[in-house]
């Protein structure tokens, strides 16, 4: 696996909305996802939302992200690192992180997705 640069992409919002971040394919190199983070404030009614990582070899992975009750309460950050990094399905597939809406009254949520490009070695 060779890599030239580390990439990071993210999204944030100040309202209760779904978010997505992608490592966008170029048709020539594999993406390798090295990790992601999710941070958020609370919501009027707490709950649990899904953070879904797709486009990776082996299939989609879903993580539960608890959102606390109370708009001034901070959620515990979700930090996930992969060692070794997870490769994309192929050179024509984006790796995407999606987060469900944290709930009514939420005033801030952010996601960040990290990775690098390279050639996948088999065997």
PDB file of N, CA and C in Angstrom:
ATOM      1  N   UNK A   1       0.854  -1.151   0.000  1.00  0.00           N
ATOM      2  CA  UNK A   1       0.000   0.000   0.000  1.00  0.00           C
ATOM      3  C   UNK A   1       0.908   1.223   0.000  1.00  0.00           C
ATOM      4  N   UNK A   2       0.681   2.145  -0.921  1.00  0.00           N
ATOM      5  CA  UNK A   2       1.440   3.385  -0.893  1.00  0.00           C
ATOM      6  C   UNK A   2       0.483   4.538  -0.716  1.00  0.00           C
ATOM      7  N   UNK A   3       0.935   5.545  -0.017  1.00  0.00           N
ATOM      8  CA  UNK A   3       0.061   6.694   0.199  1.00  0.00           C
ATOM      9  C   UNK A   3       0.870   7.963   0.009  1.00  0.00           C
ATOM     10  N   UNK A   4       0.237   8.963  -0.549  1.00  0.00           N
ATOM     11  CA  UNK A   4       0.901  10.232  -0.769  1.00  0.00           C
ATOM     12  C   UNK A   4       0.461  11.290   0.219  1.00  0.00           C
ATOM     13  N   UNK A   5      -0.778  11.285   0.592  1.00  0.00           N
ATOM     14  CA  UNK A   5      -1.301  12.323   1.465  1.00  0.00           C
ATOM     15  C   UNK A   5      -2.469  11.781   2.262  1.00  0.00           C
ATOM     16  N   UNK A   6      -2.668  12.349   3.428  1.00  0.00           N
ATOM     17  CA  UNK A   6      -3.811  11.998   4.270  1.00  0.00           C
ATOM     18  C   UNK A   6      -4.909  13.020   4.000  1.00  0.00           C
ATOM     19  N   UNK A   7      -6.119  12.545   3.831  1.00  0.00           N
ATOM     20  CA  UNK A   7      -7.258  13.408   3.543  1.00  0.00           C
ATOM     21  C   UNK A   7      -8.227  13.365   4.704  1.00  0.00           C
ATOM     22  N   UNK A   8      -8.910  14.469   4.899  1.00  0.00           N
ATOM     23  CA  UNK A   8      -9.960  14.543   5.908  1.00  0.00           C
ATOM     24  C   UNK A   8     -11.112  15.337   5.311  1.00  0.00           C
ATOM     25  N   UNK A   9     -12.304  14.851   5.503  1.00  0.00           N
ATOM     26  CA  UNK A   9     -13.478  15.546   5.009  1.00  0.00           C
ATOM     27  C   UNK A   9     -14.524  15.534   6.111  1.00  0.00           C
ATOM     28  N   UNK A  10     -15.362  16.526   6.138  1.00  0.00           N
ATOM     29  CA  UNK A  10     -16.338  16.569   7.210  1.00  0.00           C
ATOM     30  C   UNK A  10     -17.554  17.386   6.862  1.00  0.00           C
ATOM     31  N   UNK A  11     -18.458  17.430   7.816  1.00  0.00           N
ATOM     32  CA  UNK A  11     -19.677  18.211   7.679  1.00  0.00           C
ATOM     33  C   UNK A  11     -20.109  18.626   9.067  1.00  0.00           C
ATOM     34  N   UNK A  12     -20.773  19.771   9.155  1.00  0.00           N
ATOM     35  CA  UNK A  12     -21.303  20.212  10.436  1.00  0.00           C
ATOM     36  C   UNK A  12     -22.615  20.956  10.194  1.00  0.00           C
ATOM     37  N   UNK A  13     -23.399  21.063  11.236  1.00  0.00           N
ATOM     38  CA  UNK A  13     -24.684  21.753  11.126  1.00  0.00           C
ATOM     39  C   UNK A  13     -25.029  22.381  12.463  1.00  0.00           C
ATOM     40  N   UNK A  14     -25.842  23.413  12.425  1.00  0.00           N
ATOM     41  CA  UNK A  14     -26.306  24.057  13.648  1.00  0.00           C
ATOM     42  C   UNK A  14     -27.787  23.798  13.874  1.00  0.00           C
ATOM     43  N   UNK A  15     -28.337  22.845  13.139  1.00  0.00           N
ATOM     44  CA  UNK A  15     -29.734  22.463  13.313  1.00  0.00           C
ATOM     45  C   UNK A  15     -29.819  20.947  13.352  1.00  0.00           C
ATOM     46  N   UNK A  16     -30.987  20.452  13.603  1.00  0.00           N
ATOM     47  CA  UNK A  16     -31.192  19.011  13.645  1.00  0.00           C
ATOM     48  C   UNK A  16     -31.362  18.482  12.223  1.00  0.00           C
ATOM     49  N   UNK A  17     -30.280  17.961  11.655  1.00  0.00           N
ATOM     50  CA  UNK A  17     -30.305  17.483  10.283  1.00  0.00           C
ATOM     51  C   UNK A  17     -29.387  16.273  10.138  1.00  0.00           C
ATOM     52  N   UNK A  18     -29.581  15.500   9.098  1.00  0.00           N
ATOM     53  CA  UNK A  18     -28.664  14.393   8.821  1.00  0.00           C
ATOM     54  C   UNK A  18     -27.403  14.961   8.182  1.00  0.00           C
ATOM     55  N   UNK A  19     -26.278  14.270   8.375  1.00  0.00           N
ATOM     56  CA  UNK A  19     -25.000  14.712   7.827  1.00  0.00           C
ATOM     57  C   UNK A  19     -24.345  13.588   7.041  1.00  0.00           C
ATOM     58  N   UNK A  20     -23.516  13.968   6.060  1.00  0.00           N
ATOM     59  CA  UNK A  20     -22.750  12.993   5.293  1.00  0.00           C
ATOM     60  C   UNK A  20     -21.377  13.577   4.979  1.00  0.00           C
ATOM     61  N   UNK A  21     -20.362  12.730   5.004  1.00  0.00           N
ATOM     62  CA  UNK A  21     -19.007  13.088   4.590  1.00  0.00           C
ATOM     63  C   UNK A  21     -18.490  11.945   3.732  1.00  0.00           C
ATOM     64  N   UNK A  22     -17.755  12.272   2.664  1.00  0.00           N
ATOM     65  CA  UNK A  22     -17.291  11.229   1.743  1.00  0.00           C
ATOM     66  C   UNK A  22     -15.835  11.408   1.374  1.00  0.00           C
ATOM     67  N   UNK A  23     -15.172  10.276   1.194  1.00  0.00           N
ATOM     68  CA  UNK A  23     -13.876  10.220   0.532  1.00  0.00           C
ATOM     69  C   UNK A  23     -14.219   9.804  -0.892  1.00  0.00           C
ATOM     70  N   UNK A  24     -14.193  10.756  -1.813  1.00  0.00           N
ATOM     71  CA  UNK A  24     -14.723  10.570  -3.159  1.00  0.00           C
ATOM     72  C   UNK A  24     -13.713   9.890  -4.075  1.00  0.00           C
ATOM     73  N   UNK A  25     -14.173   8.831  -4.746  1.00  0.00           N
ATOM     74  CA  UNK A  25     -13.292   8.040  -5.615  1.00  0.00           C
ATOM     75  C   UNK A  25     -12.811   8.850  -6.822  1.00  0.00           C
ATOM     76  N   UNK A  26     -11.660   8.423  -7.361  1.00  0.00           N
ATOM     77  CA  UNK A  26     -11.121   9.045  -8.570  1.00  0.00           C
ATOM     78  C   UNK A  26     -11.026   8.057  -9.729  1.00  0.00           C
ATOM     79  N   UNK A  27     -11.438   6.797  -9.505  1.00  0.00           N
ATOM     80  CA  UNK A  27     -11.399   5.790 -10.553  1.00  0.00           C
ATOM     81  C   UNK A  27     -10.025   5.195 -10.789  1.00  0.00           C
ATOM     82  N   UNK A  28      -9.030   5.631 -10.020  1.00  0.00           N
ATOM     83  CA  UNK A  28      -7.666   5.132 -10.229  1.00  0.00           C
ATOM     84  C   UNK A  28      -7.030   4.538  -8.970  1.00  0.00           C
ATOM     85  N   UNK A  29      -7.422   5.025  -7.806  1.00  0.00           N
ATOM     86  CA  UNK A  29      -6.803   4.590  -6.552  1.00  0.00           C
ATOM     87  C   UNK A  29      -7.869   4.113  -5.568  1.00  0.00           C
ATOM     88  N   UNK A  30      -7.481   3.204  -4.692  1.00  0.00           N
ATOM     89  CA  UNK A  30      -8.351   2.784  -3.596  1.00  0.00           C
ATOM     90  C   UNK A  30      -8.285   3.829  -2.494  1.00  0.00           C
ATOM     91  N   UNK A  31      -9.390   3.995  -1.780  1.00  0.00           N
ATOM     92  CA  UNK A  31      -9.396   4.766  -0.549  1.00  0.00           C
ATOM     93  C   UNK A  31      -9.144   3.811   0.605  1.00  0.00           C
ATOM     94  N   UNK A  32      -8.454   4.275   1.616  1.00  0.00           N
ATOM     95  CA  UNK A  32      -8.257   3.544   2.864  1.00  0.00           C
ATOM     96  C   UNK A  32      -8.756   4.438   3.981  1.00  0.00           C
ATOM     97  N   UNK A  33      -9.811   4.004   4.674  1.00  0.00           N
ATOM     98  CA  UNK A  33     -10.395   4.776   5.765  1.00  0.00           C
ATOM     99  C   UNK A  33      -9.630   4.477   7.050  1.00  0.00           C
ATOM    100  N   UNK A  34      -9.037   5.520   7.635  1.00  0.00           N
ATOM    101  CA  UNK A  34      -8.272   5.335   8.869  1.00  0.00           C
ATOM    102  C   UNK A  34      -9.080   5.671  10.119  1.00  0.00           C
ATOM    103  N   UNK A  35     -10.269   6.290   9.941  1.00  0.00           N
ATOM    104  CA  UNK A  35     -11.108   6.546  11.101  1.00  0.00           C
ATOM    105  C   UNK A  35     -12.084   7.674  10.891  1.00  0.00           C
ATOM    106  N   UNK A  36     -12.855   7.952  11.944  1.00  0.00           N
ATOM    107  CA  UNK A  36     -13.826   9.050  11.911  1.00  0.00           C
ATOM    108  C   UNK A  36     -14.165   9.492  13.316  1.00  0.00           C
ATOM    109  N   UNK A  37     -14.756  10.698  13.416  1.00  0.00           N
ATOM    110  CA  UNK A  37     -15.239  11.236  14.682  1.00  0.00           C
ATOM    111  C   UNK A  37     -16.634  11.804  14.500  1.00  0.00           C
ATOM    112  N   UNK A  38     -17.416  11.717  15.567  1.00  0.00           N
ATOM    113  CA  UNK A  38     -18.747  12.330  15.625  1.00  0.00           C
ATOM    114  C   UNK A  38     -18.824  13.100  16.938  1.00  0.00           C
ATOM    115  N   UNK A  39     -19.214  14.376  16.859  1.00  0.00           N
ATOM    116  CA  UNK A  39     -19.430  15.182  18.064  1.00  0.00           C
ATOM    117  C   UNK A  39     -20.784  15.872  17.941  1.00  0.00           C
ATOM    118  N   UNK A  40     -21.395  16.141  19.086  1.00  0.00           N
ATOM    119  CA  UNK A  40     -22.724  16.747  19.050  1.00  0.00           C
ATOM    120  C   UNK A  40     -23.088  17.293  20.416  1.00  0.00           C
ATOM    121  N   UNK A  41     -24.044  18.184  20.389  1.00  0.00           N
ATOM    122  CA  UNK A  41     -24.701  18.599  21.609  1.00  0.00           C
ATOM    123  C   UNK A  41     -25.919  17.719  21.818  1.00  0.00           C
ATOM    124  N   UNK A  42     -26.632  17.976  22.880  1.00  0.00           N
ATOM    125  CA  UNK A  42     -27.837  17.203  23.167  1.00  0.00           C
ATOM    126  C   UNK A  42     -29.030  17.679  22.363  1.00  0.00           C
ATOM    127  N   UNK A  43     -30.164  17.095  22.642  1.00  0.00           N
ATOM    128  CA  UNK A  43     -31.411  17.434  21.976  1.00  0.00           C
ATOM    129  C   UNK A  43     -32.517  17.550  23.021  1.00  0.00           C
ATOM    130  N   UNK A  44     -33.639  18.108  22.609  1.00  0.00           N
ATOM    131  CA  UNK A  44     -34.771  18.262  23.524  1.00  0.00           C
ATOM    132  C   UNK A  44     -35.159  16.923  24.138  1.00  0.00           C
ATOM    133  N   UNK A  45     -35.284  15.924  23.305  1.00  0.00           N
ATOM    134  CA  UNK A  45     -35.533  14.560  23.767  1.00  0.00           C
ATOM    135  C   UNK A  45     -34.364  13.696  23.334  1.00  0.00           C
ATOM    136  N   UNK A  46     -33.606  13.182  24.257  1.00  0.00           N
ATOM    137  CA  UNK A  46     -32.439  12.377  23.911  1.00  0.00           C
ATOM    138  C   UNK A  46     -32.804  11.138  23.114  1.00  0.00           C
ATOM    139  N   UNK A  47     -31.819  10.482  22.596  1.00  0.00           N
ATOM    140  CA  UNK A  47     -32.050   9.278  21.821  1.00  0.00           C
ATOM    141  C   UNK A  47     -30.745   8.708  21.306  1.00  0.00           C
ATOM    142  N   UNK A  48     -30.852   7.763  20.411  1.00  0.00           N
ATOM    143  CA  UNK A  48     -29.683   7.133  19.808  1.00  0.00           C
ATOM    144  C   UNK A  48     -29.850   7.197  18.294  1.00  0.00           C
ATOM    145  N   UNK A  49     -28.813   7.674  17.606  1.00  0.00           N
ATOM    146  CA  UNK A  49     -28.840   7.729  16.142  1.00  0.00           C
ATOM    147  C   UNK A  49     -27.717   6.849  15.598  1.00  0.00           C
ATOM    148  N   UNK A  50     -27.850   6.465  14.337  1.00  0.00           N
ATOM    149  CA  UNK A  50     -26.845   5.616  13.697  1.00  0.00           C
ATOM    150  C   UNK A  50     -25.812   6.442  12.941  1.00  0.00           C
ATOM    151  N   UNK A  51     -24.554   6.056  13.100  1.00  0.00           N
ATOM    152  CA  UNK A  51     -23.465   6.530  12.260  1.00  0.00           C
ATOM    153  C   UNK A  51     -23.104   5.338  11.376  1.00  0.00           C
ATOM    154  N   UNK A  52     -23.236   5.495  10.061  1.00  0.00           N
ATOM    155  CA  UNK A  52     -23.071   4.383   9.134  1.00  0.00           C
ATOM    156  C   UNK A  52     -21.917   4.649   8.189  1.00  0.00           C
ATOM    157  N   UNK A  53     -20.955   3.732   8.168  1.00  0.00           N
ATOM    158  CA  UNK A  53     -19.800   3.810   7.280  1.00  0.00           C
ATOM    159  C   UNK A  53     -20.009   2.817   6.151  1.00  0.00           C
ATOM    160  N   UNK A  54     -20.041   3.310   4.899  1.00  0.00           N
ATOM    161  CA  UNK A  54     -20.294   2.438   3.757  1.00  0.00           C
ATOM    162  C   UNK A  54     -19.235   2.633   2.678  1.00  0.00           C
ATOM    163  N   UNK A  55     -19.215   1.689   1.735  1.00  0.00           N
ATOM    164  CA  UNK A  55     -18.248   1.720   0.643  1.00  0.00           C
ATOM    165  C   UNK A  55     -16.953   1.011   0.980  1.00  0.00           C
ATOM    166  N   UNK A  56     -16.907   0.341   2.138  1.00  0.00           N
ATOM    167  CA  UNK A  56     -15.688  -0.341   2.567  1.00  0.00           C
ATOM    168  C   UNK A  56     -15.761  -1.835   2.253  1.00  0.00           C
ATOM    169  N   UNK A  57     -14.611  -2.410   2.002  1.00  0.00           N
ATOM    170  CA  UNK A  57     -14.527  -3.841   1.750  1.00  0.00           C
ATOM    171  C   UNK A  57     -15.018  -4.586   2.989  1.00  0.00           C
ATOM    172  N   UNK A  58     -15.890  -5.549   2.806  1.00  0.00           N
ATOM    173  CA  UNK A  58     -16.452  -6.292   3.927  1.00  0.00           C
ATOM    174  C   UNK A  58     -17.853  -5.852   4.286  1.00  0.00           C
ATOM    175  N   UNK A  59     -18.300  -4.729   3.742  1.00  0.00           N
ATOM    176  CA  UNK A  59     -19.675  -4.297   3.974  1.00  0.00           C
ATOM    177  C   UNK A  59     -19.822  -3.126   4.921  1.00  0.00           C
ATOM    178  N   UNK A  60     -21.007  -2.596   4.957  1.00  0.00           N
ATOM    179  CA  UNK A  60     -21.348  -1.428   5.768  1.00  0.00           C
ATOM    180  C   UNK A  60     -21.221  -1.745   7.257  1.00  0.00           C
ATOM    181  N   UNK A  61     -20.708  -0.763   8.005  1.00  0.00           N
ATOM    182  CA  UNK A  61     -20.623  -0.871   9.463  1.00  0.00           C
ATOM    183  C   UNK A  61     -21.481   0.221  10.078  1.00  0.00           C
ATOM    184  N   UNK A  62     -22.250  -0.138  11.112  1.00  0.00           N
ATOM    185  CA  UNK A  62     -23.124   0.814  11.780  1.00  0.00           C
ATOM    186  C   UNK A  62     -22.723   0.935  13.247  1.00  0.00           C
ATOM    187  N   UNK A  63     -22.644   2.171  13.715  1.00  0.00           N
ATOM    188  CA  UNK A  63     -22.277   2.476  15.096  1.00  0.00           C
ATOM    189  C   UNK A  63     -23.416   3.269  15.717  1.00  0.00           C
ATOM    190  N   UNK A  64     -23.711   3.016  16.976  1.00  0.00           N
ATOM    191  CA  UNK A  64     -24.748   3.743  17.712  1.00  0.00           C
ATOM    192  C   UNK A  64     -24.121   4.967  18.360  1.00  0.00           C
ATOM    193  N   UNK A  65     -24.776   6.119  18.209  1.00  0.00           N
ATOM    194  CA  UNK A  65     -24.308   7.371  18.801  1.00  0.00           C
ATOM    195  C   UNK A  65     -25.391   7.917  19.729  1.00  0.00           C
ATOM    196  N   UNK A  66     -25.176   7.859  21.058  1.00  0.00           N
ATOM    197  CA  UNK A  66     -26.174   8.359  22.008  1.00  0.00           C
ATOM    198  C   UNK A  66     -26.191   9.888  22.063  1.00  0.00           C
ATOM    199  N   UNK A  67     -27.372  10.458  21.955  1.00  0.00           N
ATOM    200  CA  UNK A  67     -27.572  11.907  22.055  1.00  0.00           C
ATOM    201  C   UNK A  67     -28.276  12.165  23.383  1.00  0.00           C
ATOM    202  N   UNK A  68     -27.642  12.926  24.275  1.00  0.00           N
ATOM    203  CA  UNK A  68     -28.251  13.141  25.590  1.00  0.00           C
ATOM    204  C   UNK A  68     -29.453  14.085  25.538  1.00  0.00           C
ATOM    205  N   UNK A  69     -30.294  13.983  26.573  1.00  0.00           N
ATOM    206  CA  UNK A  69     -31.422  14.896  26.719  1.00  0.00           C
ATOM    207  C   UNK A  69     -30.906  16.209  27.289  1.00  0.00           C
ATOM    208  N   UNK A  70     -31.304  17.296  26.660  1.00  0.00           N
ATOM    209  CA  UNK A  70     -30.883  18.630  27.102  1.00  0.00           C
ATOM    210  C   UNK A  70     -30.055  19.319  26.045  1.00  0.00           C
ATOM    211  N   UNK A  71     -30.532  20.450  25.561  1.00  0.00           N
ATOM    212  CA  UNK A  71     -29.856  21.131  24.452  1.00  0.00           C
ATOM    213  C   UNK A  71     -28.531  21.763  24.854  1.00  0.00           C
ATOM    214  N   UNK A  72     -28.268  21.903  26.150  1.00  0.00           N
ATOM    215  CA  UNK A  72     -26.986  22.465  26.591  1.00  0.00           C
ATOM    216  C   UNK A  72     -26.014  21.384  27.057  1.00  0.00           C
ATOM    217  N   UNK A  73     -26.396  20.132  26.914  1.00  0.00           N
ATOM    218  CA  UNK A  73     -25.554  19.016  27.341  1.00  0.00           C
ATOM    219  C   UNK A  73     -24.758  18.496  26.148  1.00  0.00           C
ATOM    220  N   UNK A  74     -23.472  18.269  26.351  1.00  0.00           N
ATOM    221  CA  UNK A  74     -22.628  17.739  25.279  1.00  0.00           C
ATOM    222  C   UNK A  74     -22.707  16.213  25.246  1.00  0.00           C
ATOM    223  N   UNK A  75     -22.759  15.664  24.048  1.00  0.00           N
ATOM    224  CA  UNK A  75     -22.707  14.210  23.876  1.00  0.00           C
ATOM    225  C   UNK A  75     -21.251  13.758  23.998  1.00  0.00           C
ATOM    226  N   UNK A  76     -21.056  12.546  24.464  1.00  0.00           N
ATOM    227  CA  UNK A  76     -19.703  11.979  24.477  1.00  0.00           C
ATOM    228  C   UNK A  76     -19.270  11.751  23.030  1.00  0.00           C
ATOM    229  N   UNK A  77     -18.088  12.212  22.641  1.00  0.00           N
ATOM    230  CA  UNK A  77     -17.640  12.036  21.257  1.00  0.00           C
ATOM    231  C   UNK A  77     -17.495  10.554  20.900  1.00  0.00           C
ATOM    232  N   UNK A  78     -17.774  10.243  19.653  1.00  0.00           N
ATOM    233  CA  UNK A  78     -17.540   8.899  19.118  1.00  0.00           C
ATOM    234  C   UNK A  78     -16.299   9.001  18.240  1.00  0.00           C
ATOM    235  N   UNK A  79     -15.223   8.349  18.660  1.00  0.00           N
ATOM    236  CA  UNK A  79     -13.970   8.363  17.921  1.00  0.00           C
ATOM    237  C   UNK A  79     -13.624   6.929  17.564  1.00  0.00           C
ATOM    238  N   UNK A  80     -13.492   6.655  16.260  1.00  0.00           N
ATOM    239  CA  UNK A  80     -13.195   5.307  15.780  1.00  0.00           C
ATOM    240  C   UNK A  80     -11.957   5.377  14.898  1.00  0.00           C
ATOM    241  N   UNK A  81     -10.977   4.514  15.197  1.00  0.00           N
ATOM    242  CA  UNK A  81      -9.768   4.428  14.369  1.00  0.00           C
ATOM    243  C   UNK A  81      -9.595   2.993  13.904  1.00  0.00           C
ATOM    244  N   UNK A  82      -9.152   2.840  12.666  1.00  0.00           N
ATOM    245  CA  UNK A  82      -8.940   1.518  12.090  1.00  0.00           C
ATOM    246  C   UNK A  82      -7.447   1.284  11.866  1.00  0.00           C
ATOM    247  N   UNK A  83      -6.944   0.188  12.425  1.00  0.00           N
ATOM    248  CA  UNK A  83      -5.561  -0.202  12.223  1.00  0.00           C
ATOM    249  C   UNK A  83      -5.522  -1.708  12.023  1.00  0.00           C
ATOM    250  N   UNK A  84      -5.416  -2.160  10.800  1.00  0.00           N
ATOM    251  CA  UNK A  84      -5.091  -1.391   9.601  1.00  0.00           C
ATOM    252  C   UNK A  84      -6.307  -0.660   9.060  1.00  0.00           C
ATOM    253  N   UNK A  85      -6.073   0.379   8.244  1.00  0.00           N
ATOM    254  CA  UNK A  85      -7.175   1.108   7.627  1.00  0.00           C
ATOM    255  C   UNK A  85      -8.033   0.197   6.750  1.00  0.00           C
ATOM    256  N   UNK A  86      -9.304   0.551   6.584  1.00  0.00           N
ATOM    257  CA  UNK A  86     -10.242  -0.243   5.799  1.00  0.00           C
ATOM    258  C   UNK A  86     -10.252   0.235   4.347  1.00  0.00           C
ATOM    259  N   UNK A  87     -10.017  -0.673   3.381  1.00  0.00           N
ATOM    260  CA  UNK A  87     -10.011  -0.256   1.970  1.00  0.00           C
ATOM    261  C   UNK A  87     -11.423  -0.106   1.414  1.00  0.00           C
ATOM    262  N   UNK A  88     -11.532   0.727   0.371  1.00  0.00           N
ATOM    263  CA  UNK A  88     -12.791   0.845  -0.351  1.00  0.00           C
ATOM    264  C   UNK A  88     -13.050  -0.441  -1.126  1.00  0.00           C
ATOM    265  N   UNK A  89     -14.288  -0.645  -1.514  1.00  0.00           N
ATOM    266  CA  UNK A  89     -14.680  -1.839  -2.268  1.00  0.00           C
ATOM    267  C   UNK A  89     -13.875  -1.947  -3.557  1.00  0.00           C
ATOM    268  N   UNK A  90     -13.749  -0.827  -4.261  1.00  0.00           N
ATOM    269  CA  UNK A  90     -12.966  -0.780  -5.493  1.00  0.00           C
ATOM    270  C   UNK A  90     -12.586   0.674  -5.770  1.00  0.00           C
ATOM    271  N   UNK A  91     -11.911   0.923  -6.885  1.00  0.00           N
ATOM    272  CA  UNK A  91     -11.450   2.284  -7.185  1.00  0.00           C
ATOM    273  C   UNK A  91     -12.581   3.206  -7.637  1.00  0.00           C
ATOM    274  N   UNK A  92     -13.769   2.659  -7.854  1.00  0.00           N
ATOM    275  CA  UNK A  92     -14.923   3.454  -8.293  1.00  0.00           C
ATOM    276  C   UNK A  92     -15.977   3.623  -7.203  1.00  0.00           C
ATOM    277  N   UNK A  93     -15.608   3.398  -5.947  1.00  0.00           N
ATOM    278  CA  UNK A  93     -16.561   3.486  -4.841  1.00  0.00           C
ATOM    279  C   UNK A  93     -16.100   4.514  -3.812  1.00  0.00           C
ATOM    280  N   UNK A  94     -17.003   5.434  -3.448  1.00  0.00           N
ATOM    281  CA  UNK A  94     -16.740   6.396  -2.373  1.00  0.00           C
ATOM    282  C   UNK A  94     -16.858   5.685  -1.035  1.00  0.00           C
ATOM    283  N   UNK A  95     -16.071   6.113  -0.060  1.00  0.00           N
ATOM    284  CA  UNK A  95     -16.297   5.712   1.325  1.00  0.00           C
ATOM    285  C   UNK A  95     -17.090   6.859   1.948  1.00  0.00           C
ATOM    286  N   UNK A  96     -18.240   6.538   2.556  1.00  0.00           N
ATOM    287  CA  UNK A  96     -19.141   7.568   3.051  1.00  0.00           C
ATOM    288  C   UNK A  96     -19.530   7.313   4.502  1.00  0.00           C
ATOM    289  N   UNK A  97     -19.546   8.375   5.284  1.00  0.00           N
ATOM    290  CA  UNK A  97     -20.034   8.342   6.662  1.00  0.00           C
ATOM    291  C   UNK A  97     -21.325   9.141   6.707  1.00  0.00           C
ATOM    292  N   UNK A  98     -22.405   8.522   7.172  1.00  0.00           N
ATOM    293  CA  UNK A  98     -23.702   9.181   7.324  1.00  0.00           C
ATOM    294  C   UNK A  98     -24.099   9.150   8.793  1.00  0.00           C
ATOM    295  N   UNK A  99     -24.662  10.248   9.255  1.00  0.00           N
ATOM    296  CA  UNK A  99     -25.152  10.337  10.633  1.00  0.00           C
ATOM    297  C   UNK A  99     -26.603  10.788  10.599  1.00  0.00           C
ATOM    298  N   UNK A 100     -27.462  10.054  11.313  1.00  0.00           N
ATOM    299  CA  UNK A 100     -28.864  10.438  11.418  1.00  0.00           C
ATOM    300  C   UNK A 100     -29.015  11.729  12.200  1.00  0.00           C
ATOM    301  N   UNK A 101     -30.138  12.386  12.032  1.00  0.00           N
ATOM    302  CA  UNK A 101     -30.417  13.637  12.734  1.00  0.00           C
ATOM    303  C   UNK A 101     -30.441  13.406  14.243  1.00  0.00           C
ATOM    304  N   UNK A 102     -29.716  14.227  15.017  1.00  0.00           N
ATOM    305  CA  UNK A 102     -29.645  14.009  16.462  1.00  0.00           C
ATOM    306  C   UNK A 102     -30.919  14.351  17.221  1.00  0.00           C
ATOM    307  N   UNK A 103     -31.847  15.055  16.628  1.00  0.00           N
ATOM    308  CA  UNK A 103     -33.122  15.317  17.291  1.00  0.00           C
ATOM    309  C   UNK A 103     -33.449  16.793  17.412  1.00  0.00           C
ATOM    310  N   UNK A 104     -34.698  17.057  17.727  1.00  0.00           N
ATOM    311  CA  UNK A 104     -35.186  18.432  17.854  1.00  0.00           C
ATOM    312  C   UNK A 104     -34.433  19.177  18.943  1.00  0.00           C
ATOM    313  N   UNK A 105     -34.139  20.435  18.675  1.00  0.00           N
ATOM    314  CA  UNK A 105     -33.466  21.276  19.651  1.00  0.00           C
ATOM    315  C   UNK A 105     -31.958  21.190  19.611  1.00  0.00           C
ATOM    316  N   UNK A 106     -31.405  20.274  18.856  1.00  0.00           N
ATOM    317  CA  UNK A 106     -29.945  20.157  18.753  1.00  0.00           C
ATOM    318  C   UNK A 106     -29.394  21.413  18.088  1.00  0.00           C
ATOM    319  N   UNK A 107     -28.321  21.963  18.652  1.00  0.00           N
ATOM    320  CA  UNK A 107     -27.760  23.197  18.116  1.00  0.00           C
ATOM    321  C   UNK A 107     -26.379  23.029  17.496  1.00  0.00           C
ATOM    322  N   UNK A 108     -25.864  21.823  17.447  1.00  0.00           N
ATOM    323  CA  UNK A 108     -24.562  21.639  16.824  1.00  0.00           C
ATOM    324  C   UNK A 108     -24.142  20.187  16.765  1.00  0.00           C
ATOM    325  N   UNK A 109     -23.780  19.758  15.566  1.00  0.00           N
ATOM    326  CA  UNK A 109     -23.309  18.394  15.351  1.00  0.00           C
ATOM    327  C   UNK A 109     -22.251  18.440  14.259  1.00  0.00           C
ATOM    328  N   UNK A 110     -21.228  17.585  14.353  1.00  0.00           N
ATOM    329  CA  UNK A 110     -20.173  17.555  13.343  1.00  0.00           C
ATOM    330  C   UNK A 110     -19.664  16.133  13.169  1.00  0.00           C
ATOM    331  N   UNK A 111     -19.268  15.812  11.934  1.00  0.00           N
ATOM    332  CA  UNK A 111     -18.625  14.534  11.650  1.00  0.00           C
ATOM    333  C   UNK A 111     -17.351  14.807  10.855  1.00  0.00           C
ATOM    334  N   UNK A 112     -16.384  13.929  11.013  1.00  0.00           N
ATOM    335  CA  UNK A 112     -15.130  14.036  10.281  1.00  0.00           C
ATOM    336  C   UNK A 112     -14.691  12.632   9.891  1.00  0.00           C
ATOM    337  N   UNK A 113     -14.299  12.455   8.634  1.00  0.00           N
ATOM    338  CA  UNK A 113     -13.905  11.168   8.067  1.00  0.00           C
ATOM    339  C   UNK A 113     -12.483  11.300   7.540  1.00  0.00           C
ATOM    340  N   UNK A 114     -11.602  10.328   7.875  1.00  0.00           N
ATOM    341  CA  UNK A 114     -10.188  10.411   7.515  1.00  0.00           C
ATOM    342  C   UNK A 114      -9.760   9.221   6.658  1.00  0.00           C
ATOM    343  N   UNK A 115      -8.825   9.458   5.753  1.00  0.00           N
ATOM    344  CA  UNK A 115      -8.307   8.366   4.941  1.00  0.00           C
ATOM    345  C   UNK A 115      -7.207   8.822   4.021  1.00  0.00           C
ATOM    346  N   UNK A 116      -6.741   7.881   3.210  1.00  0.00           N
ATOM    347  CA  UNK A 116      -5.698   8.183   2.233  1.00  0.00           C
ATOM    348  C   UNK A 116      -5.897   7.291   1.018  1.00  0.00           C
ATOM    349  N   UNK A 117      -5.288   7.677  -0.097  1.00  0.00           N
ATOM    350  CA  UNK A 117      -5.359   6.911  -1.330  1.00  0.00           C
ATOM    351  C   UNK A 117      -4.142   6.016  -1.472  1.00  0.00           C
ATOM    352  N   UNK A 118      -4.316   4.881  -2.138  1.00  0.00           N
ATOM    353  CA  UNK A 118      -3.195   3.992  -2.369  1.00  0.00           C
ATOM    354  C   UNK A 118      -3.611   2.817  -3.221  1.00  0.00           C
ATOM    355  N   UNK A 119      -2.696   1.897  -3.414  1.00  0.00           N
ATOM    356  CA  UNK A 119      -2.951   0.677  -4.173  1.00  0.00           C
ATOM    357  C   UNK A 119      -3.118  -0.473  -3.196  1.00  0.00           C
ATOM    358  N   UNK A 120      -4.154  -1.269  -3.393  1.00  0.00           N
ATOM    359  CA  UNK A 120      -4.400  -2.405  -2.499  1.00  0.00           C
ATOM    360  C   UNK A 120      -3.516  -3.567  -2.904  1.00  0.00           C
ATOM    361  N   UNK A 121      -2.869  -4.170  -1.927  1.00  0.00           N
ATOM    362  CA  UNK A 121      -2.020  -5.335  -2.170  1.00  0.00           C
ATOM    363  C   UNK A 121      -2.770  -6.575  -1.753  1.00  0.00           C
ATOM    364  N   UNK A 122      -2.837  -7.537  -2.622  1.00  0.00           N
ATOM    365  CA  UNK A 122      -3.518  -8.794  -2.332  1.00  0.00           C
ATOM    366  C   UNK A 122      -2.492  -9.890  -2.124  1.00  0.00           C
ATOM    367  N   UNK A 123      -2.798 -10.806  -1.194  1.00  0.00           N
ATOM    368  CA  UNK A 123      -1.928 -11.970  -0.956  1.00  0.00           C
ATOM    369  C   UNK A 123      -0.788 -11.624  -0.187  1.00  0.00           C
TER     370      UNK A 123
END
